[in-house]
Full PDB file with SEQRES, HELIX, SHEET, SSBOND, CRYST1, ORIGX, SCALE, CONECT and MASTER records, all heavy atoms in Angstrom:
SEQRES   1 A   41  GLY ARG ARG LYS SER ALA VAL ALA ARG VAL ARG LEU ILE          
SEQRES   2 A   41  PRO GLY GLU GLY LYS PHE ILE VAL ASN GLY LYS ASP GLY          
SEQRES   3 A   41  ASN LEU TYR PHE GLN PHE ASN ALA ASN TYR LEU GLY LEU          
SEQRES   4 A   41  ILE LYS                                                      
HELIX    1 AA1 GLY A   26  TYR A   29  1                                   4    
HELIX    2 AA2 ALA A   34  ILE A   40  1                                   7    
SHEET    1 AA1 2 ARG A   2  ARG A   3  0                                        
SHEET    2 AA1 2 ALA A   6  VAL A   7 -1                                        
SHEET    1 AA2 2 ILE A  20  VAL A  21  0                                        
SHEET    2 AA2 2 LYS A  24  ASP A  25 -1                                        
CRYST1    1.000    1.000    1.000  90.00  90.00  90.00 P 1           1          
ORIGX1      1.000000  0.000000  0.000000        0.00000                         
ORIGX2      0.000000  1.000000  0.000000        0.00000                         
ORIGX3      0.000000  0.000000  1.000000        0.00000                         
SCALE1      1.000000  0.000000  0.000000        0.00000                         
SCALE2      0.000000  1.000000  0.000000        0.00000                         
SCALE3      0.000000  0.000000  1.000000        0.00000                         
ATOM      1  N   GLY A   1      96.932  73.616 109.045  1.00  0.00           N  
ATOM      2  CA  GLY A   1      96.889  73.886 107.609  1.00  0.00           C  
ATOM      3  C   GLY A   1      98.226  73.565 106.973  1.00  0.00           C  
ATOM      4  O   GLY A   1      99.271  73.740 107.597  1.00  0.00           O  
ATOM      5  N   ARG A   2      98.181  73.101 105.729  1.00  0.00           N  
ATOM      6  CA  ARG A   2      99.409  72.806 104.986  1.00  0.00           C  
ATOM      7  C   ARG A   2      99.298  73.358 103.577  1.00  0.00           C  
ATOM      8  O   ARG A   2      98.227  73.353 102.984  1.00  0.00           O  
ATOM      9  CB  ARG A   2      99.645  71.295 104.909  1.00  0.00           C  
ATOM     10  CG  ARG A   2      99.961  70.666 106.235  1.00  0.00           C  
ATOM     11  CD  ARG A   2     100.166  69.173 106.109  1.00  0.00           C  
ATOM     12  NE  ARG A   2     100.243  68.566 107.433  1.00  0.00           N  
ATOM     13  CZ  ARG A   2      99.202  68.180 108.142  1.00  0.00           C  
ATOM     14  NH1 ARG A   2      97.986  68.342 107.665  1.00  0.00           N  
ATOM     15  NH2 ARG A   2      99.351  67.648 109.328  1.00  0.00           N  
ATOM     16  N   ARG A   3     100.454  73.806 103.038  1.00  0.00           N  
ATOM     17  CA  ARG A   3     100.519  74.282 101.654  1.00  0.00           C  
ATOM     18  C   ARG A   3     101.965  74.222 101.226  1.00  0.00           C  
ATOM     19  O   ARG A   3     102.838  74.728 101.924  1.00  0.00           O  
ATOM     20  CB  ARG A   3      99.989  75.713 101.570  1.00  0.00           C  
ATOM     21  CG  ARG A   3     100.283  76.449 100.276  1.00  0.00           C  
ATOM     22  CD  ARG A   3      99.309  76.030  99.184  1.00  0.00           C  
ATOM     23  NE  ARG A   3      99.274  76.998  98.105  1.00  0.00           N  
ATOM     24  CZ  ARG A   3     100.109  76.987  97.070  1.00  0.00           C  
ATOM     25  NH1 ARG A   3     101.062  76.092  96.988  1.00  0.00           N  
ATOM     26  NH2 ARG A   3      99.994  77.875  96.117  1.00  0.00           N  
ATOM     27  N   LYS A   4     102.248  73.610 100.075  1.00  0.00           N  
ATOM     28  CA  LYS A   4     103.619  73.378  99.612  1.00  0.00           C  
ATOM     29  C   LYS A   4     104.393  72.692 100.742  1.00  0.00           C  
ATOM     30  O   LYS A   4     104.010  71.609 101.162  1.00  0.00           O  
ATOM     31  CB  LYS A   4     104.280  74.680  99.185  1.00  0.00           C  
ATOM     32  CG  LYS A   4     103.689  75.290  97.924  1.00  0.00           C  
ATOM     33  CD  LYS A   4     104.502  76.489  97.497  1.00  0.00           C  
ATOM     34  CE  LYS A   4     104.027  77.047  96.184  1.00  0.00           C  
ATOM     35  NZ  LYS A   4     104.824  78.188  95.752  1.00  0.00           N  
ATOM     36  N   SER A   5     105.446  73.313 101.262  1.00  0.00           N  
ATOM     37  CA  SER A   5     106.169  72.679 102.369  1.00  0.00           C  
ATOM     38  C   SER A   5     105.914  73.400 103.685  1.00  0.00           C  
ATOM     39  O   SER A   5     106.615  73.170 104.664  1.00  0.00           O  
ATOM     40  CB  SER A   5     107.670  72.644 102.072  1.00  0.00           C  
ATOM     41  OG  SER A   5     108.159  73.952 101.912  1.00  0.00           O  
ATOM     42  N   ALA A   6     104.919  74.281 103.715  1.00  0.00           N  
ATOM     43  CA  ALA A   6     104.599  75.053 104.922  1.00  0.00           C  
ATOM     44  C   ALA A   6     103.534  74.330 105.748  1.00  0.00           C  
ATOM     45  O   ALA A   6     102.599  73.754 105.198  1.00  0.00           O  
ATOM     46  CB  ALA A   6     104.106  76.440 104.555  1.00  0.00           C  
ATOM     47  N   VAL A   7     103.704  74.380 107.062  1.00  0.00           N  
ATOM     48  CA  VAL A   7     102.730  73.801 107.987  1.00  0.00           C  
ATOM     49  C   VAL A   7     102.412  74.852 109.038  1.00  0.00           C  
ATOM     50  O   VAL A   7     103.318  75.481 109.592  1.00  0.00           O  
ATOM     51  CB  VAL A   7     103.290  72.536 108.686  1.00  0.00           C  
ATOM     52  CG1 VAL A   7     102.279  71.975 109.660  1.00  0.00           C  
ATOM     53  CG2 VAL A   7     103.682  71.501 107.666  1.00  0.00           C  
ATOM     54  N   ALA A   8     101.140  75.066 109.319  1.00  0.00           N  
ATOM     55  CA  ALA A   8     100.724  76.041 110.328  1.00  0.00           C  
ATOM     56  C   ALA A   8      99.788  75.383 111.325  1.00  0.00           C  
ATOM     57  O   ALA A   8      98.795  74.765 110.940  1.00  0.00           O  
ATOM     58  CB  ALA A   8     100.033  77.225 109.670  1.00  0.00           C  
ATOM     59  N   ARG A   9     100.140  75.503 112.616  1.00  0.00           N  
ATOM     60  CA  ARG A   9      99.253  75.054 113.681  1.00  0.00           C  
ATOM     61  C   ARG A   9      98.577  76.294 114.244  1.00  0.00           C  
ATOM     62  O   ARG A   9      99.233  77.167 114.800  1.00  0.00           O  
ATOM     63  CB  ARG A   9     100.055  74.303 114.740  1.00  0.00           C  
ATOM     64  CG  ARG A   9     100.652  73.017 114.190  1.00  0.00           C  
ATOM     65  CD  ARG A   9     101.216  72.129 115.264  1.00  0.00           C  
ATOM     66  NE  ARG A   9     102.155  72.796 116.148  1.00  0.00           N  
ATOM     67  CZ  ARG A   9     103.485  72.694 116.042  1.00  0.00           C  
ATOM     68  NH1 ARG A   9     104.014  71.982 115.077  1.00  0.00           N  
ATOM     69  NH2 ARG A   9     104.265  73.297 116.904  1.00  0.00           N  
ATOM     70  N   VAL A  10      97.261  76.363 114.083  1.00  0.00           N  
ATOM     71  CA  VAL A  10      96.491  77.570 114.397  1.00  0.00           C  
ATOM     72  C   VAL A  10      95.612  77.315 115.614  1.00  0.00           C  
ATOM     73  O   VAL A  10      94.971  76.272 115.722  1.00  0.00           O  
ATOM     74  CB  VAL A  10      95.605  77.967 113.187  1.00  0.00           C  
ATOM     75  CG1 VAL A  10      94.788  79.192 113.499  1.00  0.00           C  
ATOM     76  CG2 VAL A  10      96.464  78.183 111.954  1.00  0.00           C  
ATOM     77  N   ARG A  11      95.609  78.296 116.536  1.00  0.00           N  
ATOM     78  CA  ARG A  11      94.695  78.271 117.676  1.00  0.00           C  
ATOM     79  C   ARG A  11      93.795  79.496 117.598  1.00  0.00           C  
ATOM     80  O   ARG A  11      94.277  80.607 117.393  1.00  0.00           O  
ATOM     81  CB  ARG A  11      95.466  78.322 118.988  1.00  0.00           C  
ATOM     82  CG  ARG A  11      96.128  77.037 119.359  1.00  0.00           C  
ATOM     83  CD  ARG A  11      96.776  77.111 120.714  1.00  0.00           C  
ATOM     84  NE  ARG A  11      97.894  78.060 120.657  1.00  0.00           N  
ATOM     85  CZ  ARG A  11      98.508  78.556 121.713  1.00  0.00           C  
ATOM     86  NH1 ARG A  11      98.119  78.228 122.920  1.00  0.00           N  
ATOM     87  NH2 ARG A  11      99.515  79.389 121.570  1.00  0.00           N  
ATOM     88  N   LEU A  12      92.507  79.289 117.758  1.00  0.00           N  
ATOM     89  CA  LEU A  12      91.541  80.392 117.851  1.00  0.00           C  
ATOM     90  C   LEU A  12      91.093  80.481 119.300  1.00  0.00           C  
ATOM     91  O   LEU A  12      90.613  79.502 119.870  1.00  0.00           O  
ATOM     92  CB  LEU A  12      90.320  80.140 116.968  1.00  0.00           C  
ATOM     93  CG  LEU A  12      90.465  80.358 115.480  1.00  0.00           C  
ATOM     94  CD1 LEU A  12      89.115  80.150 114.813  1.00  0.00           C  
ATOM     95  CD2 LEU A  12      90.991  81.721 115.153  1.00  0.00           C  
ATOM     96  N   ILE A  13      91.272  81.671 119.878  1.00  0.00           N  
ATOM     97  CA  ILE A  13      90.893  81.902 121.272  1.00  0.00           C  
ATOM     98  C   ILE A  13      89.963  83.109 121.306  1.00  0.00           C  
ATOM     99  O   ILE A  13      90.258  84.120 120.669  1.00  0.00           O  
ATOM    100  CB  ILE A  13      92.145  82.184 122.133  1.00  0.00           C  
ATOM    101  CG1 ILE A  13      93.108  80.993 122.048  1.00  0.00           C  
ATOM    102  CG2 ILE A  13      91.780  82.462 123.570  1.00  0.00           C  
ATOM    103  CD1 ILE A  13      94.450  81.249 122.671  1.00  0.00           C  
ATOM    104  N   PRO A  14      88.849  83.046 122.026  1.00  0.00           N  
ATOM    105  CA  PRO A  14      87.994  84.223 122.120  1.00  0.00           C  
ATOM    106  C   PRO A  14      88.796  85.424 122.616  1.00  0.00           C  
ATOM    107  O   PRO A  14      89.529  85.327 123.597  1.00  0.00           O  
ATOM    108  CB  PRO A  14      86.921  83.810 123.128  1.00  0.00           C  
ATOM    109  CG  PRO A  14      86.887  82.322 123.055  1.00  0.00           C  
ATOM    110  CD  PRO A  14      88.294  81.894 122.754  1.00  0.00           C  
ATOM    111  N   GLY A  15      88.676  86.531 121.904  1.00  0.00           N  
ATOM    112  CA  GLY A  15      89.452  87.727 122.252  1.00  0.00           C  
ATOM    113  C   GLY A  15      88.999  88.922 121.434  1.00  0.00           C  
ATOM    114  O   GLY A  15      87.846  89.002 121.024  1.00  0.00           O  
ATOM    115  N   GLU A  16      89.964  89.817 121.154  1.00  0.00           N  
ATOM    116  CA  GLU A  16      89.610  91.054 120.456  1.00  0.00           C  
ATOM    117  C   GLU A  16      90.209  91.153 119.064  1.00  0.00           C  
ATOM    118  O   GLU A  16      90.277  92.235 118.492  1.00  0.00           O  
ATOM    119  CB  GLU A  16      90.004  92.277 121.295  1.00  0.00           C  
ATOM    120  CG  GLU A  16      91.486  92.404 121.594  1.00  0.00           C  
ATOM    121  CD  GLU A  16      91.906  91.677 122.855  1.00  0.00           C  
ATOM    122  OE1 GLU A  16      91.044  91.156 123.588  1.00  0.00           O  
ATOM    123  OE2 GLU A  16      93.119  91.607 123.085  1.00  0.00           O  
ATOM    124  N   GLY A  17      90.671  90.049 118.484  1.00  0.00           N  
ATOM    125  CA  GLY A  17      91.148  90.073 117.105  1.00  0.00           C  
ATOM    126  C   GLY A  17      92.647  90.193 116.944  1.00  0.00           C  
ATOM    127  O   GLY A  17      93.116  90.588 115.879  1.00  0.00           O  
ATOM    128  N   LYS A  18      93.435  89.852 117.964  1.00  0.00           N  
ATOM    129  CA  LYS A  18      94.894  89.882 117.825  1.00  0.00           C  
ATOM    130  C   LYS A  18      95.336  88.760 116.890  1.00  0.00           C  
ATOM    131  O   LYS A  18      94.688  87.721 116.804  1.00  0.00           O  
ATOM    132  CB  LYS A  18      95.583  89.708 119.182  1.00  0.00           C  
ATOM    133  CG  LYS A  18      95.532  90.932 120.061  1.00  0.00           C  
ATOM    134  CD  LYS A  18      96.451  90.789 121.249  1.00  0.00           C  
ATOM    135  CE  LYS A  18      95.857  89.783 122.219  1.00  0.00           C  
ATOM    136  NZ  LYS A  18      96.590  89.708 123.481  1.00  0.00           N  
ATOM    137  N   PHE A  19      96.463  88.991 116.214  1.00  0.00           N  
ATOM    138  CA  PHE A  19      96.994  88.025 115.266  1.00  0.00           C  
ATOM    139  C   PHE A  19      98.491  87.879 115.525  1.00  0.00           C  
ATOM    140  O   PHE A  19      99.251  88.817 115.313  1.00  0.00           O  
ATOM    141  CB  PHE A  19      96.706  88.515 113.843  1.00  0.00           C  
ATOM    142  CG  PHE A  19      97.271  87.644 112.762  1.00  0.00           C  
ATOM    143  CD1 PHE A  19      97.183  86.277 112.832  1.00  0.00           C  
ATOM    144  CD2 PHE A  19      97.875  88.217 111.662  1.00  0.00           C  
ATOM    145  CE1 PHE A  19      97.707  85.481 111.827  1.00  0.00           C  
ATOM    146  CE2 PHE A  19      98.393  87.438 110.654  1.00  0.00           C  
ATOM    147  CZ  PHE A  19      98.306  86.071 110.733  1.00  0.00           C  
ATOM    148  N   ILE A  20      98.916  86.721 116.029  1.00  0.00           N  
ATOM    149  CA  ILE A  20     100.309  86.505 116.412  1.00  0.00           C  
ATOM    150  C   ILE A  20     100.841  85.266 115.691  1.00  0.00           C  
ATOM    151  O   ILE A  20     100.230  84.202 115.734  1.00  0.00           O  
ATOM    152  CB  ILE A  20     100.442  86.338 117.937  1.00  0.00           C  
ATOM    153  CG1 ILE A  20     100.000  87.627 118.622  1.00  0.00           C  
ATOM    154  CG2 ILE A  20     101.871  85.980 118.321  1.00  0.00           C  
ATOM    155  CD1 ILE A  20      99.838  87.526 120.102  1.00  0.00           C  
ATOM    156  N   VAL A  21     101.984  85.435 115.002  1.00  0.00           N  
ATOM    157  CA  VAL A  21     102.630  84.336 114.280  1.00  0.00           C  
ATOM    158  C   VAL A  21     104.028  84.146 114.845  1.00  0.00           C  
ATOM    159  O   VAL A  21     104.832  85.090 114.838  1.00  0.00           O  
ATOM    160  CB  VAL A  21     102.722  84.629 112.768  1.00  0.00           C  
ATOM    161  CG1 VAL A  21     103.352  83.463 112.037  1.00  0.00           C  
ATOM    162  CG2 VAL A  21     101.359  84.947 112.198  1.00  0.00           C  
ATOM    163  N   ASN A  22     104.325  82.956 115.332  1.00  0.00           N  
ATOM    164  CA  ASN A  22     105.645  82.629 115.886  1.00  0.00           C  
ATOM    165  C   ASN A  22     106.119  83.657 116.909  1.00  0.00           C  
ATOM    166  O   ASN A  22     107.282  84.053 116.926  1.00  0.00           O  
ATOM    167  CB  ASN A  22     106.678  82.488 114.768  1.00  0.00           C  
ATOM    168  CG  ASN A  22     106.402  81.302 113.876  1.00  0.00           C  
ATOM    169  OD1 ASN A  22     105.603  80.432 114.211  1.00  0.00           O  
ATOM    170  ND2 ASN A  22     107.044  81.254 112.737  1.00  0.00           N  
ATOM    171  N   GLY A  23     105.213  84.136 117.748  1.00  0.00           N  
ATOM    172  CA  GLY A  23     105.565  85.075 118.802  1.00  0.00           C  
ATOM    173  C   GLY A  23     105.652  86.524 118.358  1.00  0.00           C  
ATOM    174  O   GLY A  23     105.882  87.408 119.180  1.00  0.00           O  
ATOM    175  N   LYS A  24     105.476  86.804 117.070  1.00  0.00           N  
ATOM    176  CA  LYS A  24     105.519  88.176 116.549  1.00  0.00           C  
ATOM    177  C   LYS A  24     104.116  88.618 116.156  1.00  0.00           C  
ATOM    178  O   LYS A  24     103.259  87.791 115.850  1.00  0.00           O  
ATOM    179  CB  LYS A  24     106.377  88.259 115.280  1.00  0.00           C  
ATOM    180  CG  LYS A  24     107.850  88.179 115.470  1.00  0.00           C  
ATOM    181  CD  LYS A  24     108.499  88.395 114.113  1.00  0.00           C  
ATOM    182  CE  LYS A  24     109.998  88.340 114.190  1.00  0.00           C  
ATOM    183  NZ  LYS A  24     110.602  88.516 112.863  1.00  0.00           N  
ATOM    184  N   ASP A  25     103.911  89.924 116.118  1.00  0.00           N  
ATOM    185  CA  ASP A  25     102.655  90.459 115.602  1.00  0.00           C  
ATOM    186  C   ASP A  25     102.514  90.030 114.144  1.00  0.00           C  
ATOM    187  O   ASP A  25     103.480  90.086 113.373  1.00  0.00           O  
ATOM    188  CB  ASP A  25     102.647  91.989 115.727  1.00  0.00           C  
ATOM    189  CG  ASP A  25     101.366  92.598 115.218  1.00  0.00           C  
ATOM    190  OD1 ASP A  25     100.282  92.151 115.633  1.00  0.00           O  
ATOM    191  OD2 ASP A  25     101.444  93.508 114.383  1.00  0.00           O  
ATOM    192  N   GLY A  26     101.331  89.602 113.757  1.00  0.00           N  
ATOM    193  CA  GLY A  26     101.106  89.106 112.401  1.00  0.00           C  
ATOM    194  C   GLY A  26     101.402  90.134 111.325  1.00  0.00           C  
ATOM    195  O   GLY A  26     101.883  89.794 110.244  1.00  0.00           O  
ATOM    196  N   ASN A  27     101.127  91.411 111.606  1.00  0.00           N  
ATOM    197  CA  ASN A  27     101.406  92.463 110.622  1.00  0.00           C  
ATOM    198  C   ASN A  27     102.910  92.572 110.363  1.00  0.00           C  
ATOM    199  O   ASN A  27     103.336  92.755 109.224  1.00  0.00           O  
ATOM    200  CB  ASN A  27     100.867  93.808 111.108  1.00  0.00           C  
ATOM    201  CG  ASN A  27      99.354  93.816 111.161  1.00  0.00           C  
ATOM    202  OD1 ASN A  27      98.698  93.275 110.291  1.00  0.00           O  
ATOM    203  ND2 ASN A  27      98.808  94.422 112.193  1.00  0.00           N  
ATOM    204  N   LEU A  28     103.709  92.476 111.416  1.00  0.00           N  
ATOM    205  CA  LEU A  28     105.161  92.522 111.255  1.00  0.00           C  
ATOM    206  C   LEU A  28     105.670  91.279 110.542  1.00  0.00           C  
ATOM    207  O   LEU A  28     106.528  91.372 109.662  1.00  0.00           O  
ATOM    208  CB  LEU A  28     105.854  92.637 112.618  1.00  0.00           C  
ATOM    209  CG  LEU A  28     105.836  93.993 113.292  1.00  0.00           C  
ATOM    210  CD1 LEU A  28     106.437  93.906 114.684  1.00  0.00           C  
ATOM    211  CD2 LEU A  28     106.608  94.995 112.458  1.00  0.00           C  
ATOM    212  N   TYR A  29     105.157  90.127 110.922  1.00  0.00           N  
ATOM    213  CA  TYR A  29     105.632  88.870 110.343  1.00  0.00           C  
ATOM    214  C   TYR A  29     105.395  88.844 108.836  1.00  0.00           C  
ATOM    215  O   TYR A  29     106.249  88.419 108.073  1.00  0.00           O  
ATOM    216  CB  TYR A  29     104.921  87.695 111.017  1.00  0.00           C  
ATOM    217  CG  TYR A  29     105.504  86.354 110.635  1.00  0.00           C  
ATOM    218  CD1 TYR A  29     106.607  85.842 111.300  1.00  0.00           C  
ATOM    219  CD2 TYR A  29     104.945  85.597 109.609  1.00  0.00           C  
ATOM    220  CE1 TYR A  29     107.150  84.612 110.959  1.00  0.00           C  
ATOM    221  CE2 TYR A  29     105.481  84.364 109.256  1.00  0.00           C  
ATOM    222  CZ  TYR A  29     106.581  83.889 109.932  1.00  0.00           C  
ATOM    223  OH  TYR A  29     107.120  82.672 109.580  1.00  0.00           O  
ATOM    224  N   PHE A  30     104.220  89.300 108.413  1.00  0.00           N  
ATOM    225  CA  PHE A  30     103.904  89.324 106.986  1.00  0.00           C  
ATOM    226  C   PHE A  30     104.213  90.672 106.349  1.00  0.00           C  
ATOM    227  O   PHE A  30     103.696  90.995 105.284  1.00  0.00           O  
ATOM    228  CB  PHE A  30     102.442  88.914 106.756  1.00  0.00           C  
ATOM    229  CG  PHE A  30     102.222  87.448 106.946  1.00  0.00           C  
ATOM    230  CD1 PHE A  30     101.597  86.973 108.074  1.00  0.00           C  
ATOM    231  CD2 PHE A  30     102.676  86.546 106.013  1.00  0.00           C  
ATOM    232  CE1 PHE A  30     101.413  85.606 108.256  1.00  0.00           C  
ATOM    233  CE2 PHE A  30     102.497  85.180 106.181  1.00  0.00           C  
ATOM    234  CZ  PHE A  30     101.865  84.714 107.311  1.00  0.00           C  
ATOM    235  N   GLN A  31     105.052  91.479 106.999  1.00  0.00           N  
ATOM    236  CA  GLN A  31     105.604  92.723 106.459  1.00  0.00           C  
ATOM    237  C   GLN A  31     104.523  93.697 105.989  1.00  0.00           C  
ATOM    238  O   GLN A  31     104.672  94.356 104.978  1.00  0.00           O  
ATOM    239  CB  GLN A  31     106.561  92.392 105.312  1.00  0.00           C  
ATOM    240  CG  GLN A  31     107.649  91.448 105.747  1.00  0.00           C  
ATOM    241  CD  GLN A  31     108.332  90.758 104.592  1.00  0.00           C  
ATOM    242  OE1 GLN A  31     108.010  90.984 103.436  1.00  0.00           O  
ATOM    243  NE2 GLN A  31     109.285  89.921 104.905  1.00  0.00           N  
ATOM    244  N   PHE A  32     103.419  93.745 106.716  1.00  0.00           N  
ATOM    245  CA  PHE A  32     102.302  94.646 106.433  1.00  0.00           C  
ATOM    246  C   PHE A  32     101.761  94.451 105.012  1.00  0.00           C  
ATOM    247  O   PHE A  32     101.237  95.384 104.408  1.00  0.00           O  
ATOM    248  CB  PHE A  32     102.695  96.111 106.655  1.00  0.00           C  
ATOM    249  CG  PHE A  32     103.011  96.421 108.096  1.00  0.00           C  
ATOM    250  CD1 PHE A  32     104.310  96.408 108.547  1.00  0.00           C  
ATOM    251  CD2 PHE A  32     101.996  96.682 108.996  1.00  0.00           C  
ATOM    252  CE1 PHE A  32     104.614  96.677 109.877  1.00  0.00           C  
ATOM    253  CE2 PHE A  32     102.271  96.955 110.320  1.00  0.00           C  
ATOM    254  CZ  PHE A  32     103.582  96.948 110.768  1.00  0.00           C  
ATOM    255  N   ASN A  33     101.908  93.259 104.459  1.00  0.00           N  
ATOM    256  CA  ASN A  33     101.416  92.962 103.116  1.00  0.00           C  
ATOM    257  C   ASN A  33      99.914  92.690 103.198  1.00  0.00           C  
ATOM    258  O   ASN A  33      99.482  91.691 103.774  1.00  0.00           O  
ATOM    259  CB  ASN A  33     102.162  91.758 102.540  1.00  0.00           C  
ATOM    260  CG  ASN A  33     101.829  91.511 101.088  1.00  0.00           C  
ATOM    261  OD1 ASN A  33     100.694  91.668 100.664  1.00  0.00           O  
ATOM    262  ND2 ASN A  33     102.827  91.109 100.322  1.00  0.00           N  
ATOM    263  N   ALA A  34      99.130  93.584 102.595  1.00  0.00           N  
ATOM    264  CA  ALA A  34      97.669  93.487 102.687  1.00  0.00           C  
ATOM    265  C   ALA A  34      97.141  92.216 102.032  1.00  0.00           C  
ATOM    266  O   ALA A  34      96.120  91.672 102.460  1.00  0.00           O  
ATOM    267  CB  ALA A  34      97.023  94.716 102.053  1.00  0.00           C  
ATOM    268  N   ASN A  35      97.837  91.735 100.994  1.00  0.00           N  
ATOM    269  CA  ASN A  35      97.374  90.509 100.328  1.00  0.00           C  
ATOM    270  C   ASN A  35      97.415  89.320 101.280  1.00  0.00           C  
ATOM    271  O   ASN A  35      96.449  88.560 101.373  1.00  0.00           O  
ATOM    272  CB  ASN A  35      98.246  90.199  99.105  1.00  0.00           C  
ATOM    273  CG  ASN A  35      98.068  91.225  98.012  1.00  0.00           C  
ATOM    274  OD1 ASN A  35      97.031  91.862  97.909  1.00  0.00           O  
ATOM    275  ND2 ASN A  35      99.090  91.399  97.204  1.00  0.00           N  
ATOM    276  N   TYR A  36      98.536  89.148 101.978  1.00  0.00           N  
ATOM    277  CA  TYR A  36      98.663  88.021 102.906  1.00  0.00           C  
ATOM    278  C   TYR A  36      97.683  88.163 104.066  1.00  0.00           C  
ATOM    279  O   TYR A  36      97.023  87.201 104.464  1.00  0.00           O  
ATOM    280  CB  TYR A  36     100.082  87.933 103.466  1.00  0.00           C  
ATOM    281  CG  TYR A  36     101.140  87.574 102.453  1.00  0.00           C  
ATOM    282  CD1 TYR A  36     102.397  88.164 102.494  1.00  0.00           C  
ATOM    283  CD2 TYR A  36     100.901  86.647 101.460  1.00  0.00           C  
ATOM    284  CE1 TYR A  36     103.381  87.834 101.580  1.00  0.00           C  
ATOM    285  CE2 TYR A  36     101.873  86.304 100.534  1.00  0.00           C  
ATOM    286  CZ  TYR A  36     103.110  86.900 100.602  1.00  0.00           C  
ATOM    287  OH  TYR A  36     104.078  86.571  99.692  1.00  0.00           O  
ATOM    288  N   LEU A  37      97.588  89.358 104.624  1.00  0.00           N  
ATOM    289  CA  LEU A  37      96.723  89.561 105.791  1.00  0.00           C  
ATOM    290  C   LEU A  37      95.253  89.377 105.426  1.00  0.00           C  
ATOM    291  O   LEU A  37      94.479  88.795 106.187  1.00  0.00           O  
ATOM    292  CB  LEU A  37      96.973  90.948 106.384  1.00  0.00           C  
ATOM    293  CG  LEU A  37      98.400  91.171 106.908  1.00  0.00           C  
ATOM    294  CD1 LEU A  37      98.617  92.622 107.272  1.00  0.00           C  
ATOM    295  CD2 LEU A  37      98.685  90.269 108.083  1.00  0.00           C  
ATOM    296  N   GLY A  38      94.856  89.858 104.243  1.00  0.00           N  
ATOM    297  CA  GLY A  38      93.476  89.677 103.789  1.00  0.00           C  
ATOM    298  C   GLY A  38      93.163  88.214 103.538  1.00  0.00           C  
ATOM    299  O   GLY A  38      92.068  87.730 103.843  1.00  0.00           O  
ATOM    300  N   LEU A  39      94.132  87.500 102.990  1.00  0.00           N  
ATOM    301  CA  LEU A  39      93.979  86.079 102.708  1.00  0.00           C  
ATOM    302  C   LEU A  39      93.732  85.298 103.990  1.00  0.00           C  
ATOM    303  O   LEU A  39      92.848  84.439 104.060  1.00  0.00           O  
ATOM    304  CB  LEU A  39      95.271  85.582 102.039  1.00  0.00           C  
ATOM    305  CG  LEU A  39      95.305  84.218 101.409  1.00  0.00           C  
ATOM    306  CD1 LEU A  39      94.523  84.256 100.102  1.00  0.00           C  
ATOM    307  CD2 LEU A  39      96.739  83.814 101.147  1.00  0.00           C  
ATOM    308  N   ILE A  40      94.506  85.627 105.024  1.00  0.00           N  
ATOM    309  CA  ILE A  40      94.427  84.898 106.294  1.00  0.00           C  
ATOM    310  C   ILE A  40      93.111  85.175 107.018  1.00  0.00           C  
ATOM    311  O   ILE A  40      92.498  84.275 107.586  1.00  0.00           O  
ATOM    312  CB  ILE A  40      95.624  85.283 107.185  1.00  0.00           C  
ATOM    313  CG1 ILE A  40      96.908  84.717 106.571  1.00  0.00           C  
ATOM    314  CG2 ILE A  40      95.438  84.805 108.604  1.00  0.00           C  
ATOM    315  CD1 ILE A  40      98.162  85.338 107.103  1.00  0.00           C  
ATOM    316  N   LYS A  41      92.651  86.417 106.981  1.00  0.00           N  
ATOM    317  CA  LYS A  41      91.445  86.786 107.733  1.00  0.00           C  
ATOM    318  C   LYS A  41      90.160  86.560 106.948  1.00  0.00           C  
ATOM    319  O   LYS A  41      89.064  86.765 107.473  1.00  0.00           O  
ATOM    320  CB  LYS A  41      91.558  88.237 108.185  1.00  0.00           C  
ATOM    321  CG  LYS A  41      92.714  88.413 109.170  1.00  0.00           C  
ATOM    322  CD  LYS A  41      92.755  89.760 109.798  1.00  0.00           C  
ATOM    323  CE  LYS A  41      93.915  89.797 110.791  1.00  0.00           C  
ATOM    324  NZ  LYS A  41      94.023  91.004 111.521  1.00  0.00           N  
TER     325      LYS A  41                                                      
MASTER        0    0    0    2    4    0    0    6  324    1    0    4          
END                                                                             
């Protein structure tokens, strides 16, 4: 995915719903911002 100058390479793997961005938990990476997390999911 691309937007403005951001590029994201996304892998979907069968699992239990974990979300990891650049080696960090997705909630921490996006600072627990519900808008970003809702947008992504």
